[in-house]
PDB file of N, CA and C in Angstrom:
ATOM      1  N   MET A   1     103.772 124.200 108.274  1.00  0.00           N
ATOM      2  CA  MET A   1     103.479 125.481 107.688  1.00  0.00           C
ATOM      3  C   MET A   1     104.440 126.542 108.211  1.00  0.00           C
ATOM      4  N   HIS A   2     104.626 126.535 109.532  1.00  0.00           N
ATOM      5  CA  HIS A   2     105.510 127.529 110.137  1.00  0.00           C
ATOM      6  C   HIS A   2     106.915 127.464 109.543  1.00  0.00           C
ATOM      7  N   ASP A   3     107.460 126.264 109.396  1.00  0.00           N
ATOM      8  CA  ASP A   3     108.828 126.128 108.874  1.00  0.00           C
ATOM      9  C   ASP A   3     108.926 126.613 107.430  1.00  0.00           C
ATOM     10  N   ALA A   4     107.924 126.307 106.615  1.00  0.00           N
ATOM     11  CA  ALA A   4     107.942 126.754 105.216  1.00  0.00           C
ATOM     12  C   ALA A   4     107.904 128.278 105.145  1.00  0.00           C
ATOM     13  N   ILE A   5     107.041 128.894 105.932  1.00  0.00           N
ATOM     14  CA  ILE A   5     106.955 130.353 105.930  1.00  0.00           C
ATOM     15  C   ILE A   5     108.252 130.963 106.458  1.00  0.00           C
ATOM     16  N   ALA A   6     108.815 130.385 107.504  1.00  0.00           N
ATOM     17  CA  ALA A   6     110.080 130.891 108.044  1.00  0.00           C
ATOM     18  C   ALA A   6     111.197 130.800 107.011  1.00  0.00           C
ATOM     19  N   ALA A   7     111.266 129.701 106.297  1.00  0.00           N
ATOM     20  CA  ALA A   7     112.283 129.555 105.248  1.00  0.00           C
ATOM     21  C   ALA A   7     112.076 130.591 104.157  1.00  0.00           C
ATOM     22  N   GLU A   8     110.844 130.745 103.707  1.00  0.00           N
ATOM     23  CA  GLU A   8     110.545 131.697 102.634  1.00  0.00           C
ATOM     24  C   GLU A   8     110.893 133.125 103.022  1.00  0.00           C
ATOM     25  N   THR A   9     110.636 133.503 104.261  1.00  0.00           N
ATOM     26  CA  THR A   9     110.959 134.863 104.676  1.00  0.00           C
ATOM     27  C   THR A   9     112.464 135.098 104.718  1.00  0.00           C
ATOM     28  N   ARG A  10     113.226 134.014 104.699  1.00  0.00           N
ATOM     29  CA  ARG A  10     114.687 134.110 104.656  1.00  0.00           C
ATOM     30  C   ARG A  10     115.226 133.888 103.248  1.00  0.00           C
ATOM     31  N   GLY A  11     114.316 133.839 102.266  1.00  0.00           N
ATOM     32  CA  GLY A  11     114.725 133.700 100.873  1.00  0.00           C
ATOM     33  C   GLY A  11     114.977 132.275 100.436  1.00  0.00           C
ATOM     34  N   ILE A  12     114.559 131.302 101.219  1.00  0.00           N
ATOM     35  CA  ILE A  12     114.749 129.895 100.880  1.00  0.00           C
ATOM     36  C   ILE A  12     113.420 129.332 100.372  1.00  0.00           C
ATOM     37  N   PRO A  13     113.354 128.949  99.100  1.00  0.00           N
ATOM     38  CA  PRO A  13     112.103 128.387  98.588  1.00  0.00           C
ATOM     39  C   PRO A  13     111.687 127.157  99.395  1.00  0.00           C
ATOM     40  N   ALA A  14     110.420 127.101  99.746  1.00  0.00           N
ATOM     41  CA  ALA A  14     109.907 125.999 100.551  1.00  0.00           C
ATOM     42  C   ALA A  14     108.440 125.765 100.215  1.00  0.00           C
ATOM     43  N   VAL A  15     107.983 124.568 100.491  1.00  0.00           N
ATOM     44  CA  VAL A  15     106.576 124.226 100.295  1.00  0.00           C
ATOM     45  C   VAL A  15     106.101 123.457 101.523  1.00  0.00           C
ATOM     46  N   ALA A  16     105.010 123.891 102.092  1.00  0.00           N
ATOM     47  CA  ALA A  16     104.390 123.158 103.185  1.00  0.00           C
ATOM     48  C   ALA A  16     103.522 122.059 102.575  1.00  0.00           C
ATOM     49  N   ILE A  17     103.659 120.856 103.116  1.00  0.00           N
ATOM     50  CA  ILE A  17     102.891 119.708 102.635  1.00  0.00           C
ATOM     51  C   ILE A  17     102.228 119.062 103.846  1.00  0.00           C
ATOM     52  N   MET A  18     100.929 118.862 103.764  1.00  0.00           N
ATOM     53  CA  MET A  18     100.210 118.217 104.859  1.00  0.00           C
ATOM     54  C   MET A  18      99.013 117.469 104.304  1.00  0.00           C
ATOM     55  N   THR A  19      98.412 116.663 105.151  1.00  0.00           N
ATOM     56  CA  THR A  19      97.219 115.963 104.697  1.00  0.00           C
ATOM     57  C   THR A  19      96.017 116.886 104.825  1.00  0.00           C
ATOM     58  N   ASP A  20      94.983 116.556 104.068  1.00  0.00           N
ATOM     59  CA  ASP A  20      93.798 117.411 104.017  1.00  0.00           C
ATOM     60  C   ASP A  20      93.108 117.563 105.373  1.00  0.00           C
ATOM     61  N   ARG A  21      93.361 116.674 106.278  1.00  0.00           N
ATOM     62  CA  ARG A  21      92.779 116.797 107.615  1.00  0.00           C
ATOM     63  C   ARG A  21      93.260 118.059 108.330  1.00  0.00           C
ATOM     64  N   PHE A  22      94.406 118.569 107.933  1.00  0.00           N
ATOM     65  CA  PHE A  22      95.004 119.727 108.582  1.00  0.00           C
ATOM     66  C   PHE A  22      94.871 121.014 107.769  1.00  0.00           C
ATOM     67  N   GLU A  23      93.988 121.025 106.796  1.00  0.00           N
ATOM     68  CA  GLU A  23      93.818 122.207 105.942  1.00  0.00           C
ATOM     69  C   GLU A  23      93.466 123.462 106.750  1.00  0.00           C
ATOM     70  N   GLN A  24      92.490 123.365 107.617  1.00  0.00           N
ATOM     71  CA  GLN A  24      92.074 124.542 108.399  1.00  0.00           C
ATOM     72  C   GLN A  24      93.193 125.024 109.323  1.00  0.00           C
ATOM     73  N   SER A  25      93.920 124.094 109.907  1.00  0.00           N
ATOM     74  CA  SER A  25      95.056 124.478 110.761  1.00  0.00           C
ATOM     75  C   SER A  25      96.129 125.184 109.949  1.00  0.00           C
ATOM     76  N   ALA A  26      96.393 124.699 108.752  1.00  0.00           N
ATOM     77  CA  ALA A  26      97.402 125.319 107.889  1.00  0.00           C
ATOM     78  C   ALA A  26      96.986 126.735 107.509  1.00  0.00           C
ATOM     79  N   LYS A  27      95.718 126.909 107.165  1.00  0.00           N
ATOM     80  CA  LYS A  27      95.225 128.247 106.815  1.00  0.00           C
ATOM     81  C   LYS A  27      95.320 129.189 108.006  1.00  0.00           C
ATOM     82  N   ALA A  28      94.996 128.692 109.184  1.00  0.00           N
ATOM     83  CA  ALA A  28      95.084 129.514 110.389  1.00  0.00           C
ATOM     84  C   ALA A  28      96.538 129.899 110.673  1.00  0.00           C
ATOM     85  N   MET A  29      97.447 128.958 110.531  1.00  0.00           N
ATOM     86  CA  MET A  29      98.864 129.232 110.775  1.00  0.00           C
ATOM     87  C   MET A  29      99.383 130.270 109.780  1.00  0.00           C
ATOM     88  N   ALA A  30      98.981 130.163 108.525  1.00  0.00           N
ATOM     89  CA  ALA A  30      99.399 131.147 107.523  1.00  0.00           C
ATOM     90  C   ALA A  30      98.864 132.533 107.888  1.00  0.00           C
ATOM     91  N   ALA A  31      97.605 132.590 108.300  1.00  0.00           N
ATOM     92  CA  ALA A  31      97.006 133.875 108.673  1.00  0.00           C
ATOM     93  C   ALA A  31      97.718 134.480 109.875  1.00  0.00           C
ATOM     94  N   VAL A  32      98.024 133.658 110.876  1.00  0.00           N
ATOM     95  CA  VAL A  32      98.725 134.138 112.074  1.00  0.00           C
ATOM     96  C   VAL A  32     100.097 134.692 111.710  1.00  0.00           C
ATOM     97  N   ASN A  33     100.699 134.124 110.674  1.00  0.00           N
ATOM     98  CA  ASN A  33     102.014 134.588 110.234  1.00  0.00           C
ATOM     99  C   ASN A  33     101.925 135.728 109.226  1.00  0.00           C
ATOM    100  N   GLY A  34     100.725 136.251 109.021  1.00  0.00           N
ATOM    101  CA  GLY A  34     100.561 137.419 108.161  1.00  0.00           C
ATOM    102  C   GLY A  34     100.478 137.135 106.676  1.00  0.00           C
ATOM    103  N   ILE A  35     100.319 135.864 106.301  1.00  0.00           N
ATOM    104  CA  ILE A  35     100.236 135.500 104.884  1.00  0.00           C
ATOM    105  C   ILE A  35      99.024 134.590 104.687  1.00  0.00           C
ATOM    106  N   PRO A  36      97.819 135.138 104.795  1.00  0.00           N
ATOM    107  CA  PRO A  36      96.622 134.294 104.771  1.00  0.00           C
ATOM    108  C   PRO A  36      96.420 133.508 103.478  1.00  0.00           C
ATOM    109  N   ASP A  37      97.019 133.963 102.394  1.00  0.00           N
ATOM    110  CA  ASP A  37      96.857 133.248 101.123  1.00  0.00           C
ATOM    111  C   ASP A  37      98.081 132.403 100.761  1.00  0.00           C
ATOM    112  N   TYR A  38      98.923 132.092 101.748  1.00  0.00           N
ATOM    113  CA  TYR A  38     100.116 131.290 101.490  1.00  0.00           C
ATOM    114  C   TYR A  38      99.710 129.919 100.932  1.00  0.00           C
ATOM    115  N   PRO A  39     100.214 129.558  99.768  1.00  0.00           N
ATOM    116  CA  PRO A  39      99.819 128.287  99.156  1.00  0.00           C
ATOM    117  C   PRO A  39     100.543 127.101  99.784  1.00  0.00           C
ATOM    118  N   PHE A  40      99.880 125.967  99.787  1.00  0.00           N
ATOM    119  CA  PHE A  40     100.480 124.754 100.323  1.00  0.00           C
ATOM    120  C   PHE A  40      99.900 123.562  99.571  1.00  0.00           C
ATOM    121  N   VAL A  41     100.510 122.415  99.763  1.00  0.00           N
ATOM    122  CA  VAL A  41     100.088 121.193  99.076  1.00  0.00           C
ATOM    123  C   VAL A  41      99.463 120.245 100.084  1.00  0.00           C
ATOM    124  N   MET A  42      98.339 119.694  99.692  1.00  0.00           N
ATOM    125  CA  MET A  42      97.656 118.737 100.561  1.00  0.00           C
ATOM    126  C   MET A  42      97.657 117.352  99.932  1.00  0.00           C
ATOM    127  N   LEU A  43      97.900 116.378 100.792  1.00  0.00           N
ATOM    128  CA  LEU A  43      97.775 114.978 100.419  1.00  0.00           C
ATOM    129  C   LEU A  43      96.514 114.432 101.077  1.00  0.00           C
ATOM    130  N   GLN A  44      95.965 113.404 100.493  1.00  0.00           N
ATOM    131  CA  GLN A  44      94.778 112.791 101.068  1.00  0.00           C
ATOM    132  C   GLN A  44      95.132 112.104 102.384  1.00  0.00           C
ATOM    133  N   HIS A  45      94.347 112.382 103.408  1.00  0.00           N
ATOM    134  CA  HIS A  45      94.523 111.774 104.725  1.00  0.00           C
ATOM    135  C   HIS A  45      93.771 110.451 104.756  1.00  0.00           C
ATOM    136  N   PRO A  46      94.256 109.470 105.430  1.00  0.00           N
ATOM    137  CA  PRO A  46      95.480 109.399 106.222  1.00  0.00           C
ATOM    138  C   PRO A  46      96.640 108.869 105.383  1.00  0.00           C
ATOM    139  N   ILE A  47      97.835 108.960 105.942  1.00  0.00           N
ATOM    140  CA  ILE A  47      98.999 108.381 105.270  1.00  0.00           C
ATOM    141  C   ILE A  47      99.724 107.364 106.151  1.00  0.00           C
ATOM    142  N   ALA A  48      99.459 107.367 107.435  1.00  0.00           N
ATOM    143  CA  ALA A  48     100.206 106.538 108.383  1.00  0.00           C
ATOM    144  C   ALA A  48     100.192 105.053 108.043  1.00  0.00           C
ATOM    145  N   ASN A  49      99.086 104.549 107.580  1.00  0.00           N
ATOM    146  CA  ASN A  49      98.986 103.121 107.291  1.00  0.00           C
ATOM    147  C   ASN A  49      99.026 102.800 105.809  1.00  0.00           C
ATOM    148  N   ASP A  50      99.370 103.784 104.986  1.00  0.00           N
ATOM    149  CA  ASP A  50      99.434 103.552 103.540  1.00  0.00           C
ATOM    150  C   ASP A  50     100.587 102.622 103.187  1.00  0.00           C
ATOM    151  N   SER A  51     100.366 101.844 102.165  1.00  0.00           N
ATOM    152  CA  SER A  51     101.438 101.006 101.639  1.00  0.00           C
ATOM    153  C   SER A  51     102.438 101.896 100.897  1.00  0.00           C
ATOM    154  N   ASP A  52     103.592 101.353 100.596  1.00  0.00           N
ATOM    155  CA  ASP A  52     104.578 102.101  99.818  1.00  0.00           C
ATOM    156  C   ASP A  52     103.987 102.538  98.488  1.00  0.00           C
ATOM    157  N   ALA A  53     103.214 101.677  97.868  1.00  0.00           N
ATOM    158  CA  ALA A  53     102.596 102.005  96.574  1.00  0.00           C
ATOM    159  C   ALA A  53     101.599 103.153  96.720  1.00  0.00           C
ATOM    160  N   ASP A  54     100.803 103.132  97.793  1.00  0.00           N
ATOM    161  CA  ASP A  54      99.842 104.216  98.025  1.00  0.00           C
ATOM    162  C   ASP A  54     100.557 105.539  98.286  1.00  0.00           C
ATOM    163  N   LEU A  55     101.617 105.495  99.078  1.00  0.00           N
ATOM    164  CA  LEU A  55     102.382 106.712  99.344  1.00  0.00           C
ATOM    165  C   LEU A  55     103.024 107.247  98.072  1.00  0.00           C
ATOM    166  N   ALA A  56     103.555 106.348  97.269  1.00  0.00           N
ATOM    167  CA  ALA A  56     104.162 106.763  96.001  1.00  0.00           C
ATOM    168  C   ALA A  56     103.131 107.417  95.095  1.00  0.00           C
ATOM    169  N   ALA A  57     101.927 106.866  95.058  1.00  0.00           N
ATOM    170  CA  ALA A  57     100.865 107.438  94.226  1.00  0.00           C
ATOM    171  C   ALA A  57     100.489 108.832  94.722  1.00  0.00           C
ATOM    172  N   LYS A  58     100.403 109.017  96.027  1.00  0.00           N
ATOM    173  CA  LYS A  58     100.080 110.340  96.577  1.00  0.00           C
ATOM    174  C   LYS A  58     101.195 111.344  96.266  1.00  0.00           C
ATOM    175  N   ALA A  59     102.422 110.913  96.387  1.00  0.00           N
ATOM    176  CA  ALA A  59     103.551 111.789  96.073  1.00  0.00           C
ATOM    177  C   ALA A  59     103.563 112.135  94.588  1.00  0.00           C
ATOM    178  N   GLU A  60     103.326 111.162  93.768  1.00  0.00           N
ATOM    179  CA  GLU A  60     103.292 111.385  92.311  1.00  0.00           C
ATOM    180  C   GLU A  60     102.210 112.403  91.951  1.00  0.00           C
ATOM    181  N   ALA A  61     101.069 112.298  92.597  1.00  0.00           N
ATOM    182  CA  ALA A  61      99.976 113.222  92.322  1.00  0.00           C
ATOM    183  C   ALA A  61     100.300 114.647  92.771  1.00  0.00           C
ATOM    184  N   ALA A  62     101.164 114.798  93.764  1.00  0.00           N
ATOM    185  CA  ALA A  62     101.475 116.114  94.318  1.00  0.00           C
ATOM    186  C   ALA A  62     102.719 116.762  93.728  1.00  0.00           C
ATOM    187  N   VAL A  63     103.565 116.013  93.074  1.00  0.00           N
ATOM    188  CA  VAL A  63     104.875 116.534  92.682  1.00  0.00           C
ATOM    189  C   VAL A  63     104.789 117.738  91.746  1.00  0.00           C
ATOM    190  N   ASP A  64     103.882 117.745  90.804  1.00  0.00           N
ATOM    191  CA  ASP A  64     103.788 118.885  89.889  1.00  0.00           C
ATOM    192  C   ASP A  64     103.425 120.168  90.638  1.00  0.00           C
ATOM    193  N   ARG A  65     102.523 120.060  91.591  1.00  0.00           N
ATOM    194  CA  ARG A  65     102.130 121.233  92.388  1.00  0.00           C
ATOM    195  C   ARG A  65     103.299 121.704  93.255  1.00  0.00           C
ATOM    196  N   ILE A  66     104.048 120.769  93.814  1.00  0.00           N
ATOM    197  CA  ILE A  66     105.202 121.121  94.645  1.00  0.00           C
ATOM    198  C   ILE A  66     106.242 121.868  93.812  1.00  0.00           C
ATOM    199  N   VAL A  67     106.557 121.329  92.651  1.00  0.00           N
ATOM    200  CA  VAL A  67     107.533 121.977  91.772  1.00  0.00           C
ATOM    201  C   VAL A  67     107.049 123.366  91.362  1.00  0.00           C
ATOM    202  N   ALA A  68     105.766 123.470  91.031  1.00  0.00           N
ATOM    203  CA  ALA A  68     105.219 124.773  90.640  1.00  0.00           C
ATOM    204  C   ALA A  68     105.362 125.794  91.760  1.00  0.00           C
ATOM    205  N   LEU A  69     105.095 125.386  92.986  1.00  0.00           N
ATOM    206  CA  LEU A  69     105.224 126.312  94.109  1.00  0.00           C
ATOM    207  C   LEU A  69     106.678 126.668  94.394  1.00  0.00           C
ATOM    208  N   LEU A  70     107.576 125.721  94.238  1.00  0.00           N
ATOM    209  CA  LEU A  70     108.990 125.996  94.495  1.00  0.00           C
ATOM    210  C   LEU A  70     109.598 126.938  93.464  1.00  0.00           C
ATOM    211  N   THR A  71     109.051 126.941  92.280  1.00  0.00           N
ATOM    212  CA  THR A  71     109.654 127.729  91.199  1.00  0.00           C
ATOM    213  C   THR A  71     108.837 128.948  90.814  1.00  0.00           C
ATOM    214  N   ARG A  72     107.767 129.251  91.502  1.00  0.00           N
ATOM    215  CA  ARG A  72     106.843 130.305  91.104  1.00  0.00           C
ATOM    216  C   ARG A  72     107.228 131.698  91.538  1.00  0.00           C
ATOM    217  N   ARG A  73     108.020 131.830  92.537  1.00  0.00           N
ATOM    218  CA  ARG A  73     108.120 133.138  93.173  1.00  0.00           C
ATOM    219  C   ARG A  73     109.546 133.641  93.325  1.00  0.00           C
ATOM    220  N   GLU A  74     109.631 134.944  93.277  1.00  0.00           N
ATOM    221  CA  GLU A  74     110.883 135.627  93.583  1.00  0.00           C
ATOM    222  C   GLU A  74     110.629 136.481  94.800  1.00  0.00           C
ATOM    223  N   GLY A  75     111.159 136.089  95.922  1.00  0.00           N
ATOM    224  CA  GLY A  75     111.014 136.867  97.145  1.00  0.00           C
ATOM    225  C   GLY A  75     109.607 136.896  97.698  1.00  0.00           C
ATOM    226  N   ALA A  76     108.795 135.921  97.335  1.00  0.00           N
ATOM    227  CA  ALA A  76     107.437 135.882  97.883  1.00  0.00           C
ATOM    228  C   ALA A  76     107.488 135.531  99.355  1.00  0.00           C
ATOM    229  N   ALA A  77     106.413 135.821 100.019  1.00  0.00           N
ATOM    230  CA  ALA A  77     106.224 135.520 101.444  1.00  0.00           C
ATOM    231  C   ALA A  77     106.859 136.517 102.337  1.00  0.00           C
TER     232      ALA A  77
END
């Protein structure tokens, strides 16, 4: 989350991606950085032991949201 917000404040489009287990931490990090409503993408936890097919399915499910966030804003954050 921190890296995505840091990139965005420098004008570099970025998207934070994490598993749902870290949702509350991501929201807290966004709030600490002064952007409590900063959007991010969540994947279903866990991913460490997922097969390549499972990881591909999770990525496929998230790609539209990632693209939407990368292309949604002009100077946001």
